[in-house]
C-alpha atoms as a PDB file:
ATOM      1  CA  MET A   1     -22.933 -24.613  22.252  1.00  0.00           C
ATOM      2  CA  THR A   2     -22.499 -20.843  21.926  1.00  0.00           C
ATOM      3  CA  TRP A   3     -18.754 -21.050  22.478  1.00  0.00           C
ATOM      4  CA  LEU A   4     -18.503 -23.842  19.942  1.00  0.00           C
ATOM      5  CA  LEU A   5     -20.167 -21.602  17.349  1.00  0.00           C
ATOM      6  CA  VAL A   6     -17.816 -18.742  18.259  1.00  0.00           C
ATOM      7  CA  ALA A   7     -14.837 -21.078  17.840  1.00  0.00           C
ATOM      8  CA  LEU A   8     -16.219 -22.214  14.486  1.00  0.00           C
ATOM      9  CA  VAL A   9     -16.570 -18.584  13.362  1.00  0.00           C
ATOM     10  CA  PHE A  10     -12.939 -17.939  14.362  1.00  0.00           C
ATOM     11  CA  VAL A  11     -11.786 -20.983  12.382  1.00  0.00           C
ATOM     12  CA  ILE A  12     -13.781 -19.898   9.324  1.00  0.00           C
ATOM     13  CA  TYR A  13     -12.468 -16.350   9.785  1.00  0.00           C
ATOM     14  CA  GLY A  14      -8.860 -17.561   9.874  1.00  0.00           C
ATOM     15  CA  MET A  15      -9.398 -19.721   6.804  1.00  0.00           C
ATOM     16  CA  SER A  16     -11.061 -16.849   4.945  1.00  0.00           C
ATOM     17  CA  LEU A  17      -8.156 -14.497   5.744  1.00  0.00           C
ATOM     18  CA  ARG A  18      -5.712 -17.060   4.411  1.00  0.00           C
ATOM     19  CA  PHE A  19      -7.895 -17.622   1.325  1.00  0.00           C
ATOM     20  CA  ILE A  20      -8.179 -13.872   0.673  1.00  0.00           C
ATOM     21  CA  GLY A  21      -4.408 -13.512   0.975  1.00  0.00           C
ATOM     22  CA  VAL A  22      -3.674 -16.387  -1.392  1.00  0.00           C
ATOM     23  CA  VAL A  23      -6.223 -15.297  -4.008  1.00  0.00           C
ATOM     24  CA  ILE A  24      -5.110 -11.657  -3.965  1.00  0.00           C
ATOM     25  CA  ARG A  25      -1.429 -12.660  -4.105  1.00  0.00           C
ATOM     26  CA  ARG A  26      -2.031 -14.987  -7.079  1.00  0.00           C
ATOM     27  CA  LEU A  27      -4.152 -12.418  -8.874  1.00  0.00           C
ATOM     28  CA  GLY A  28      -1.565  -9.728  -8.212  1.00  0.00           C
ATOM     29  CA  MET A  29       1.284 -11.882  -9.456  1.00  0.00           C
ATOM     30  CA  SER A  30      -0.635 -12.863 -12.597  1.00  0.00           C
ATOM     31  CA  LYS A  31      -1.318  -9.175 -13.299  1.00  0.00           C
ATOM     32  CA  GLU A  32       2.308  -8.344 -12.417  1.00  0.00           C
ATOM     33  CA  VAL A  33       1.423  -5.652  -9.886  1.00  0.00           C
ATOM     34  CA  HIS A  34       3.773  -4.288  -7.248  1.00  0.00           C
ATOM     35  CA  GLN A  35       3.894  -6.069  -3.880  1.00  0.00           C
ATOM     36  CA  TYR A  36       2.828  -2.830  -2.153  1.00  0.00           C
ATOM     37  CA  ARG A  37      -0.514  -2.866  -4.002  1.00  0.00           C
ATOM     38  CA  ILE A  38      -1.075  -6.527  -3.185  1.00  0.00           C
ATOM     39  CA  THR A  39      -0.431  -5.793   0.496  1.00  0.00           C
ATOM     40  CA  TYR A  40      -2.830  -2.866   0.842  1.00  0.00           C
ATOM     41  CA  ILE A  41      -5.614  -4.590  -1.097  1.00  0.00           C
ATOM     42  CA  THR A  42      -5.213  -7.652   1.135  1.00  0.00           C
ATOM     43  CA  LYS A  43      -5.297  -5.499   4.284  1.00  0.00           C
ATOM     44  CA  THR A  44      -8.394  -3.637   3.103  1.00  0.00           C
ATOM     45  CA  LEU A  45     -10.275  -6.879   2.458  1.00  0.00           C
ATOM     46  CA  ASP A  46      -9.004  -8.328   5.764  1.00  0.00           C
ATOM     47  CA  ILE A  47     -10.485  -5.347   7.616  1.00  0.00           C
ATOM     48  CA  ALA A  48     -13.840  -5.917   5.906  1.00  0.00           C
ATOM     49  CA  ALA A  49     -13.738  -9.627   6.837  1.00  0.00           C
ATOM     50  CA  THR A  50     -12.886  -8.702  10.436  1.00  0.00           C
ATOM     51  CA  LEU A  51     -15.889  -6.381  10.670  1.00  0.00           C
ATOM     52  CA  VAL A  52     -18.182  -9.108   9.328  1.00  0.00           C
ATOM     53  CA  MET A  53     -16.709 -11.601  11.808  1.00  0.00           C
ATOM     54  CA  LEU A  54     -17.246  -9.216  14.741  1.00  0.00           C
ATOM     55  CA  ILE A  55     -20.881  -8.675  13.774  1.00  0.00           C
ATOM     56  CA  ILE A  56     -21.481 -12.436  13.466  1.00  0.00           C
ATOM     57  CA  ILE A  57     -19.856 -13.136  16.851  1.00  0.00           C
ATOM     58  CA  SER A  58     -21.920 -10.369  18.455  1.00  0.00           C
ATOM     59  CA  LEU A  59     -25.091 -11.974  17.164  1.00  0.00           C
ATOM     60  CA  ILE A  60     -23.989 -15.451  18.317  1.00  0.00           C
ATOM     61  CA  LEU A  61     -23.188 -14.173  21.812  1.00  0.00           C
ATOM     62  CA  GLY A  62     -26.731 -12.953  22.217  1.00  0.00           C
ATOM     63  CA  ILE A  63     -26.469  -9.314  21.411  1.00  0.00           C
ATOM     64  CA  GLU A  64     -29.736  -8.543  19.698  1.00  0.00           C
ATOM     65  CA  TYR A  65     -29.825  -7.564  16.063  1.00  0.00           C
ATOM     66  CA  ASN A  66     -31.287  -4.161  16.967  1.00  0.00           C
ATOM     67  CA  GLN A  67     -28.410  -3.447  19.349  1.00  0.00           C
ATOM     68  CA  VAL A  68     -25.831  -4.437  16.739  1.00  0.00           C
ATOM     69  CA  THR A  69     -27.444  -2.273  14.068  1.00  0.00           C
ATOM     70  CA  VAL A  70     -27.661   0.698  16.450  1.00  0.00           C
ATOM     71  CA  PHE A  71     -23.989   0.277  17.350  1.00  0.00           C
ATOM     72  CA  VAL A  72     -22.858  -0.152  13.733  1.00  0.00           C
ATOM     73  CA  SER A  73     -24.940   2.792  12.515  1.00  0.00           C
ATOM     74  CA  SER A  74     -23.576   4.929  15.371  1.00  0.00           C
ATOM     75  CA  VAL A  75     -20.011   4.026  14.437  1.00  0.00           C
ATOM     76  CA  PHE A  76     -20.696   4.827  10.791  1.00  0.00           C
ATOM     77  CA  ALA A  77     -22.307   8.134  11.785  1.00  0.00           C
ATOM     78  CA  VAL A  78     -19.220   9.125  13.781  1.00  0.00           C
ATOM     79  CA  ILE A  79     -16.931   8.035  10.951  1.00  0.00           C
ATOM     80  CA  GLY A  80     -19.131   9.875   8.456  1.00  0.00           C
ATOM     81  CA  VAL A  81     -18.973  13.107  10.454  1.00  0.00           C
ATOM     82  CA  ALA A  82     -15.227  12.718  10.931  1.00  0.00           C
ATOM     83  CA  LEU A  83     -14.684  12.128   7.227  1.00  0.00           C
ATOM     84  CA  PHE A  84     -17.330  14.529   5.911  1.00  0.00           C
ATOM     85  CA  ALA A  85     -14.727  16.923   4.554  1.00  0.00           C
ATOM     86  CA  GLN A  86     -12.637  13.995   3.366  1.00  0.00           C
ATOM     87  CA  TRP A  87     -15.274  11.979   1.490  1.00  0.00           C
ATOM     88  CA  SER A  88     -12.863  11.643  -1.391  1.00  0.00           C
ATOM     89  CA  ILE A  89     -10.603   9.479   0.778  1.00  0.00           C
ATOM     90  CA  LEU A  90     -13.258   6.774   0.899  1.00  0.00           C
ATOM     91  CA  SER A  91     -13.998   7.060  -2.811  1.00  0.00           C
ATOM     92  CA  ASN A  92     -10.278   6.822  -3.618  1.00  0.00           C
ATOM     93  CA  ILE A  93      -9.933   3.668  -1.508  1.00  0.00           C
ATOM     94  CA  THR A  94     -12.961   2.139  -3.220  1.00  0.00           C
ATOM     95  CA  ALA A  95     -11.605   3.167  -6.617  1.00  0.00           C
ATOM     96  CA  SER A  96      -8.274   1.592  -5.670  1.00  0.00           C
ATOM     97  CA  LEU A  97     -10.025  -1.757  -5.193  1.00  0.00           C
ATOM     98  CA  ILE A  98     -11.736  -1.357  -8.569  1.00  0.00           C
ATOM     99  CA  ILE A  99      -8.429  -0.464 -10.217  1.00  0.00           C
ATOM    100  CA  PHE A 100      -6.745  -3.514  -8.698  1.00  0.00           C
ATOM    101  CA  PHE A 101      -9.347  -5.918 -10.050  1.00  0.00           C
ATOM    102  CA  GLY A 102     -10.393  -4.259 -13.307  1.00  0.00           C
ATOM    103  CA  PHE A 103      -7.986  -1.546 -14.468  1.00  0.00           C
ATOM    104  CA  PRO A 104      -6.584  -2.585 -17.865  1.00  0.00           C
ATOM    105  CA  TYR A 105      -3.374  -0.557 -17.511  1.00  0.00           C
ATOM    106  CA  ARG A 106      -0.225  -1.438 -15.590  1.00  0.00           C
ATOM    107  CA  VAL A 107       2.826   0.267 -14.209  1.00  0.00           C
ATOM    108  CA  GLY A 108       5.058   1.134 -17.146  1.00  0.00           C
ATOM    109  CA  ASP A 109       2.225   1.694 -19.644  1.00  0.00           C
ATOM    110  CA  TRP A 110       2.062   4.977 -21.562  1.00  0.00           C
ATOM    111  CA  VAL A 111      -1.413   6.492 -21.196  1.00  0.00           C
ATOM    112  CA  LYS A 112      -3.385   9.640 -21.819  1.00  0.00           C
ATOM    113  CA  VAL A 113      -6.248  10.500 -19.461  1.00  0.00           C
ATOM    114  CA  LEU A 114      -8.778  12.443 -21.536  1.00  0.00           C
ATOM    115  CA  ASP A 115     -10.219  15.311 -19.522  1.00  0.00           C
ATOM    116  CA  GLY A 116     -10.862  18.120 -21.995  1.00  0.00           C
ATOM    117  CA  GLU A 117      -8.345  20.914 -21.527  1.00  0.00           C
ATOM    118  CA  ASN A 118      -6.884  19.155 -18.478  1.00  0.00           C
ATOM    119  CA  SER A 119      -5.802  15.953 -20.223  1.00  0.00           C
ATOM    120  CA  VAL A 120      -2.774  14.237 -18.717  1.00  0.00           C
ATOM    121  CA  SER A 121      -0.358  11.997 -20.570  1.00  0.00           C
ATOM    122  CA  GLY A 122       2.722  10.069 -19.597  1.00  0.00           C
ATOM    123  CA  GLN A 123       3.974   6.777 -18.215  1.00  0.00           C
ATOM    124  CA  ILE A 124       2.321   5.159 -15.191  1.00  0.00           C
ATOM    125  CA  ASN A 125       5.038   5.020 -12.516  1.00  0.00           C
ATOM    126  CA  GLU A 126       2.982   3.666  -9.620  1.00  0.00           C
ATOM    127  CA  ILE A 127      -0.593   2.903  -8.626  1.00  0.00           C
ATOM    128  CA  THR A 128      -1.095   3.657  -4.932  1.00  0.00           C
ATOM    129  CA  LEU A 129      -4.019   3.513  -2.530  1.00  0.00           C
ATOM    130  CA  PHE A 130      -5.120   7.055  -3.430  1.00  0.00           C
ATOM    131  CA  HIS A 131      -3.401   8.046  -6.694  1.00  0.00           C
ATOM    132  CA  VAL A 132      -2.050   6.885 -10.003  1.00  0.00           C
ATOM    133  CA  ILE A 133       1.354   8.512 -10.448  1.00  0.00           C
ATOM    134  CA  ILE A 134       1.984   9.507 -14.064  1.00  0.00           C
ATOM    135  CA  GLN A 135       5.310  10.844 -15.279  1.00  0.00           C
ATOM    136  CA  SER A 136       5.406  12.931 -18.434  1.00  0.00           C
ATOM    137  CA  GLU A 137       8.533  14.123 -20.161  1.00  0.00           C
ATOM    138  CA  ASN A 138       9.211  16.811 -17.552  1.00  0.00           C
ATOM    139  CA  GLU A 139       6.620  16.432 -14.771  1.00  0.00           C
ATOM    140  CA  ILE A 140       5.366  13.900 -12.260  1.00  0.00           C
ATOM    141  CA  MET A 141       1.601  14.070 -11.720  1.00  0.00           C
ATOM    142  CA  THR A 142      -0.623  12.358  -9.210  1.00  0.00           C
ATOM    143  CA  TYR A 143      -4.066  11.600 -10.588  1.00  0.00           C
ATOM    144  CA  PRO A 144      -6.728  10.601  -8.013  1.00  0.00           C
ATOM    145  CA  ASN A 145      -8.015   7.042  -8.339  1.00  0.00           C
ATOM    146  CA  ASN A 146     -11.659   8.102  -8.162  1.00  0.00           C
ATOM    147  CA  LEU A 147     -11.174  10.391 -11.168  1.00  0.00           C
ATOM    148  CA  ILE A 148      -9.142   8.031 -13.335  1.00  0.00           C
ATOM    149  CA  ILE A 149     -11.895   5.402 -13.292  1.00  0.00           C
ATOM    150  CA  GLN A 150     -14.398   8.053 -14.431  1.00  0.00           C
ATOM    151  CA  LYS A 151     -12.352   9.331 -17.378  1.00  0.00           C
ATOM    152  CA  ALA A 152     -11.510   7.836 -20.734  1.00  0.00           C
ATOM    153  CA  VAL A 153      -7.937   6.546 -20.777  1.00  0.00           C
ATOM    154  CA  MET A 154      -5.989   5.845 -23.964  1.00  0.00           C
ATOM    155  CA  LYS A 155      -3.077   3.426 -23.942  1.00  0.00           C
ATOM    156  CA  SER A 156      -0.206   3.765 -26.372  1.00  0.00           C
ATOM    157  CA  SER A 157       2.888   1.758 -27.080  1.00  0.00           C
ATOM    158  CA  GLU A 158       4.594   5.014 -27.984  1.00  0.00           C
ATOM    159  CA  GLN A 159       6.016   7.457 -25.493  1.00  0.00           C
ATOM    160  CA  ARG A 160       4.383  10.493 -27.092  1.00  0.00           C
ATOM    161  CA  LEU A 161       0.682  10.939 -26.437  1.00  0.00           C
ATOM    162  CA  SER A 162       0.315  14.680 -26.864  1.00  0.00           C
ATOM    163  CA  LYS A 163      -1.853  16.230 -29.583  1.00  0.00           C
ATOM    164  CA  GLU A 164       1.110  18.131 -30.997  1.00  0.00           C
ATOM    165  CA  PRO A 165       3.110  16.295 -33.644  1.00  0.00           C
ATOM    166  CA  SER A 166       6.635  15.464 -32.631  1.00  0.00           C
ATOM    167  CA  THR A 167       9.449  17.551 -34.073  1.00  0.00           C
ATOM    168  CA  GLU A 168      10.902  14.446 -35.709  1.00  0.00           C
ATOM    169  CA  LYS A 169       7.723  13.851 -37.690  1.00  0.00           C
ATOM    170  CA  SER A 170       7.477  17.457 -38.823  1.00  0.00           C
ATOM    171  CA  GLN A 171      11.099  17.315 -39.961  1.00  0.00           C
ATOM    172  CA  VAL A 172      10.370  14.184 -41.963  1.00  0.00           C
ATOM    173  CA  ASP A 173       7.304  15.856 -43.488  1.00  0.00           C
ATOM    174  CA  THR A 174       9.327  18.878 -44.574  1.00  0.00           C
ATOM    175  CA  VAL A 175      12.088  16.748 -46.087  1.00  0.00           C
ATOM    176  CA  THR A 176       9.730  14.710 -48.290  1.00  0.00           C
END
């Protein structure tokens, strides 16, 4: 009976991986995101599903709940110590998932990230696992995902998003 349950978990796991892949692919295509983003979001969710499956199989095979929780908490403690200096990596990955599902801006949009004196404006070139790459008129900037979801972002159909008026406008103003 135990092995039948394990087999059932594997079948459900395989079906859930396929379902996750199909849903993420459809959502990505409907939002017109790059295939690279679809792939890494799918892989991230597949890893989470794999961890859940391993915990369920451990419980089915008779490993006590206390032993599983001790093992999982030990693994997280080791990972936490290893990533203590790199906590922003985890927050950027989490922010990347949020950006995939809820970020209203796409590659090619002209945006301005409002951050006081450090505001950034330009065209979104790429949205990666850790950064949003923004190209201004003469620079390429990488803006961390965890910061871009915390800041106000303005979208514009125009290429210019700076506070300074364009030279063309000032010339028109002086002519009239």
